[in-house]
Amino acid sequence: MSTVLETPRTLTSVAKVIEISAESPESFEDAIARGIAKATETVHEIKGAWVEGQQVKVVDGKIAAYRVDLKVTFVLD
């Protein structure tokens, strides 16, 4: 009698990183939340994001908007 040993298969994931920008009149945190919410409308399996940059828009000496540049990581189907 012969025994065949099967090699366990490993699942491989491939991730992609995209860059997005988002803006909020409230805060940087809200801009991040808005950016991720918008991205999830068309991108699935988002696994994480990091802030690449932050800017503020100033009008008449006051902050009018908070803007973030995000790098978003998701797993390809």
N, C-alpha and C. Protein backbone atom coordinates (compact mmCIF):
# COMPACT_ATOMS: atom_id res chain seq x y z
N MET A 1 0.85 -1.17 0.00
CA MET A 1 0.00 0.00 0.00
C MET A 1 0.90 1.24 0.00
N SER A 2 0.58 2.19 -0.84
CA SER A 2 1.37 3.40 -0.98
C SER A 2 0.62 4.58 -0.38
N THR A 3 1.32 5.43 0.34
CA THR A 3 0.72 6.61 0.94
C THR A 3 1.17 7.84 0.17
N VAL A 4 0.20 8.66 -0.22
CA VAL A 4 0.50 9.89 -0.94
C VAL A 4 0.31 11.05 0.04
N LEU A 5 1.35 11.81 0.20
CA LEU A 5 1.27 12.99 1.07
C LEU A 5 0.96 14.21 0.22
N GLU A 6 -0.07 14.90 0.61
CA GLU A 6 -0.42 16.12 -0.12
C GLU A 6 0.26 17.32 0.53
N THR A 7 0.80 18.17 -0.29
CA THR A 7 1.41 19.40 0.20
C THR A 7 0.31 20.41 0.45
N PRO A 8 0.29 21.01 1.65
CA PRO A 8 -0.76 22.01 1.91
C PRO A 8 -0.62 23.18 0.93
N ARG A 9 -1.75 23.62 0.46
CA ARG A 9 -1.76 24.77 -0.45
C ARG A 9 -1.75 26.05 0.36
N THR A 10 -0.96 26.98 -0.09
CA THR A 10 -0.95 28.28 0.57
C THR A 10 -1.77 29.26 -0.26
N LEU A 11 -2.55 30.03 0.42
CA LEU A 11 -3.34 31.05 -0.26
C LEU A 11 -2.49 32.31 -0.37
N THR A 12 -2.41 32.82 -1.56
CA THR A 12 -1.62 34.02 -1.79
C THR A 12 -2.55 35.18 -2.10
N SER A 13 -2.34 36.27 -1.44
CA SER A 13 -3.12 37.48 -1.70
C SER A 13 -2.22 38.49 -2.40
N VAL A 14 -2.83 39.24 -3.28
CA VAL A 14 -2.12 40.33 -3.94
C VAL A 14 -2.84 41.61 -3.58
N ALA A 15 -2.09 42.56 -3.07
CA ALA A 15 -2.68 43.84 -2.66
C ALA A 15 -2.24 44.94 -3.61
N LYS A 16 -3.06 45.96 -3.67
CA LYS A 16 -2.76 47.13 -4.50
C LYS A 16 -2.91 48.37 -3.63
N VAL A 17 -2.12 49.39 -3.94
CA VAL A 17 -2.20 50.66 -3.23
C VAL A 17 -2.63 51.74 -4.21
N ILE A 18 -3.66 52.49 -3.81
CA ILE A 18 -4.11 53.62 -4.63
C ILE A 18 -3.97 54.90 -3.80
N GLU A 19 -3.88 56.02 -4.48
CA GLU A 19 -3.80 57.31 -3.80
C GLU A 19 -5.10 58.07 -4.03
N ILE A 20 -5.64 58.62 -2.94
CA ILE A 20 -6.85 59.43 -3.04
C ILE A 20 -6.66 60.69 -2.20
N SER A 21 -7.44 61.71 -2.51
CA SER A 21 -7.48 62.93 -1.72
C SER A 21 -8.90 63.14 -1.25
N ALA A 22 -9.06 63.64 -0.05
CA ALA A 22 -10.39 63.89 0.50
C ALA A 22 -10.35 65.20 1.29
N GLU A 23 -11.53 65.81 1.41
CA GLU A 23 -11.62 67.11 2.06
C GLU A 23 -12.82 67.15 2.99
N SER A 24 -12.70 67.93 4.06
CA SER A 24 -13.79 68.11 5.01
C SER A 24 -13.75 69.53 5.56
N PRO A 25 -14.90 70.11 5.83
CA PRO A 25 -14.91 71.43 6.48
C PRO A 25 -14.72 71.32 8.00
N GLU A 26 -14.73 70.09 8.52
CA GLU A 26 -14.71 69.86 9.97
C GLU A 26 -13.32 69.61 10.57
N SER A 27 -12.61 68.58 10.04
CA SER A 27 -11.34 68.17 10.65
C SER A 27 -10.58 67.23 9.72
N PHE A 28 -9.31 66.99 10.06
CA PHE A 28 -8.53 66.01 9.31
C PHE A 28 -9.14 64.62 9.48
N GLU A 29 -9.54 64.29 10.71
CA GLU A 29 -10.15 62.97 10.98
C GLU A 29 -11.39 62.76 10.12
N ASP A 30 -12.21 63.77 10.00
CA ASP A 30 -13.42 63.67 9.18
C ASP A 30 -13.06 63.53 7.70
N ALA A 31 -12.03 64.22 7.27
CA ALA A 31 -11.58 64.09 5.87
C ALA A 31 -11.13 62.66 5.59
N ILE A 32 -10.42 62.06 6.53
CA ILE A 32 -9.99 60.67 6.37
C ILE A 32 -11.21 59.75 6.28
N ALA A 33 -12.15 59.92 7.19
CA ALA A 33 -13.37 59.09 7.20
C ALA A 33 -14.15 59.25 5.90
N ARG A 34 -14.27 60.46 5.40
CA ARG A 34 -14.98 60.71 4.14
C ARG A 34 -14.26 60.04 2.96
N GLY A 35 -12.94 60.11 2.96
CA GLY A 35 -12.16 59.50 1.89
C GLY A 35 -12.33 57.99 1.86
N ILE A 36 -12.24 57.36 3.02
CA ILE A 36 -12.40 55.91 3.09
C ILE A 36 -13.83 55.51 2.72
N ALA A 37 -14.81 56.25 3.21
CA ALA A 37 -16.21 55.95 2.89
C ALA A 37 -16.45 56.03 1.38
N LYS A 38 -15.91 57.05 0.75
CA LYS A 38 -16.09 57.20 -0.70
C LYS A 38 -15.38 56.08 -1.45
N ALA A 39 -14.18 55.73 -1.02
CA ALA A 39 -13.41 54.67 -1.69
C ALA A 39 -14.13 53.33 -1.61
N THR A 40 -14.79 53.05 -0.49
CA THR A 40 -15.48 51.76 -0.34
C THR A 40 -16.70 51.63 -1.25
N GLU A 41 -17.13 52.72 -1.86
CA GLU A 41 -18.25 52.64 -2.81
C GLU A 41 -17.85 51.88 -4.08
N THR A 42 -16.57 51.94 -4.43
CA THR A 42 -16.13 51.27 -5.67
C THR A 42 -14.98 50.29 -5.47
N VAL A 43 -14.29 50.38 -4.35
CA VAL A 43 -13.15 49.49 -4.09
C VAL A 43 -13.54 48.55 -2.95
N HIS A 44 -13.34 47.26 -3.17
CA HIS A 44 -13.70 46.26 -2.16
C HIS A 44 -12.44 45.73 -1.48
N GLU A 45 -12.63 45.15 -0.31
CA GLU A 45 -11.53 44.53 0.43
C GLU A 45 -10.45 45.52 0.84
N ILE A 46 -10.85 46.74 1.23
CA ILE A 46 -9.87 47.70 1.75
C ILE A 46 -9.36 47.17 3.08
N LYS A 47 -8.05 47.12 3.21
CA LYS A 47 -7.43 46.57 4.41
C LYS A 47 -6.74 47.61 5.27
N GLY A 48 -6.44 48.76 4.72
CA GLY A 48 -5.77 49.79 5.51
C GLY A 48 -5.50 51.03 4.69
N ALA A 49 -5.05 52.05 5.38
CA ALA A 49 -4.72 53.32 4.71
C ALA A 49 -3.74 54.08 5.58
N TRP A 50 -2.97 54.94 4.97
CA TRP A 50 -2.12 55.84 5.74
C TRP A 50 -2.16 57.22 5.12
N VAL A 51 -1.95 58.20 5.97
CA VAL A 51 -1.99 59.60 5.55
C VAL A 51 -0.62 59.96 4.99
N GLU A 52 -0.60 60.34 3.73
CA GLU A 52 0.63 60.74 3.06
C GLU A 52 0.89 62.23 3.26
N GLY A 53 -0.19 63.02 3.39
CA GLY A 53 -0.02 64.45 3.56
C GLY A 53 -1.30 65.11 4.06
N GLN A 54 -1.14 66.28 4.64
CA GLN A 54 -2.27 67.06 5.14
C GLN A 54 -2.09 68.52 4.72
N GLN A 55 -3.18 69.15 4.36
CA GLN A 55 -3.16 70.58 4.03
C GLN A 55 -4.44 71.21 4.56
N VAL A 56 -4.39 72.51 4.73
CA VAL A 56 -5.60 73.25 5.05
C VAL A 56 -5.82 74.32 4.00
N LYS A 57 -7.07 74.59 3.74
CA LYS A 57 -7.45 75.65 2.82
C LYS A 57 -7.84 76.84 3.69
N VAL A 58 -7.23 77.99 3.45
CA VAL A 58 -7.47 79.19 4.27
C VAL A 58 -8.20 80.23 3.44
N VAL A 59 -9.28 80.74 4.01
CA VAL A 59 -10.05 81.81 3.38
C VAL A 59 -10.26 82.90 4.42
N ASP A 60 -9.88 84.12 4.08
CA ASP A 60 -10.02 85.27 4.98
C ASP A 60 -9.38 85.00 6.35
N GLY A 61 -8.23 84.35 6.33
CA GLY A 61 -7.49 84.11 7.57
C GLY A 61 -8.02 82.99 8.45
N LYS A 62 -9.02 82.25 7.96
CA LYS A 62 -9.60 81.15 8.74
C LYS A 62 -9.53 79.85 7.94
N ILE A 63 -9.43 78.75 8.66
CA ILE A 63 -9.41 77.45 7.98
C ILE A 63 -10.80 77.17 7.41
N ALA A 64 -10.85 76.97 6.10
CA ALA A 64 -12.11 76.71 5.41
C ALA A 64 -12.29 75.22 5.13
N ALA A 65 -11.18 74.48 5.01
CA ALA A 65 -11.28 73.04 4.71
C ALA A 65 -10.00 72.34 5.12
N TYR A 66 -10.16 71.09 5.49
CA TYR A 66 -9.04 70.21 5.83
C TYR A 66 -8.92 69.17 4.71
N ARG A 67 -7.74 69.02 4.17
CA ARG A 67 -7.54 68.10 3.05
C ARG A 67 -6.46 67.08 3.43
N VAL A 68 -6.70 65.81 3.07
CA VAL A 68 -5.72 64.74 3.30
C VAL A 68 -5.46 64.00 2.00
N ASP A 69 -4.22 63.57 1.86
CA ASP A 69 -3.84 62.68 0.78
C ASP A 69 -3.59 61.32 1.42
N LEU A 70 -4.34 60.31 0.94
CA LEU A 70 -4.28 58.98 1.54
C LEU A 70 -3.74 57.96 0.56
N LYS A 71 -3.05 56.97 1.08
CA LYS A 71 -2.69 55.78 0.32
C LYS A 71 -3.54 54.66 0.92
N VAL A 72 -4.32 54.03 0.07
CA VAL A 72 -5.28 53.01 0.50
C VAL A 72 -4.86 51.66 -0.05
N THR A 73 -4.81 50.66 0.81
CA THR A 73 -4.43 49.31 0.42
C THR A 73 -5.65 48.41 0.37
N PHE A 74 -5.79 47.65 -0.72
CA PHE A 74 -6.88 46.68 -0.83
C PHE A 74 -6.38 45.41 -1.51
N VAL A 75 -7.10 44.32 -1.27
CA VAL A 75 -6.73 43.01 -1.82
C VAL A 75 -7.46 42.83 -3.14
N LEU A 76 -6.73 42.41 -4.16
CA LEU A 76 -7.33 42.16 -5.46
C LEU A 76 -8.13 40.86 -5.44
N ASP A 77 -9.23 40.84 -6.20
CA ASP A 77 -10.06 39.64 -6.31
C ASP A 77 -9.30 38.53 -7.00
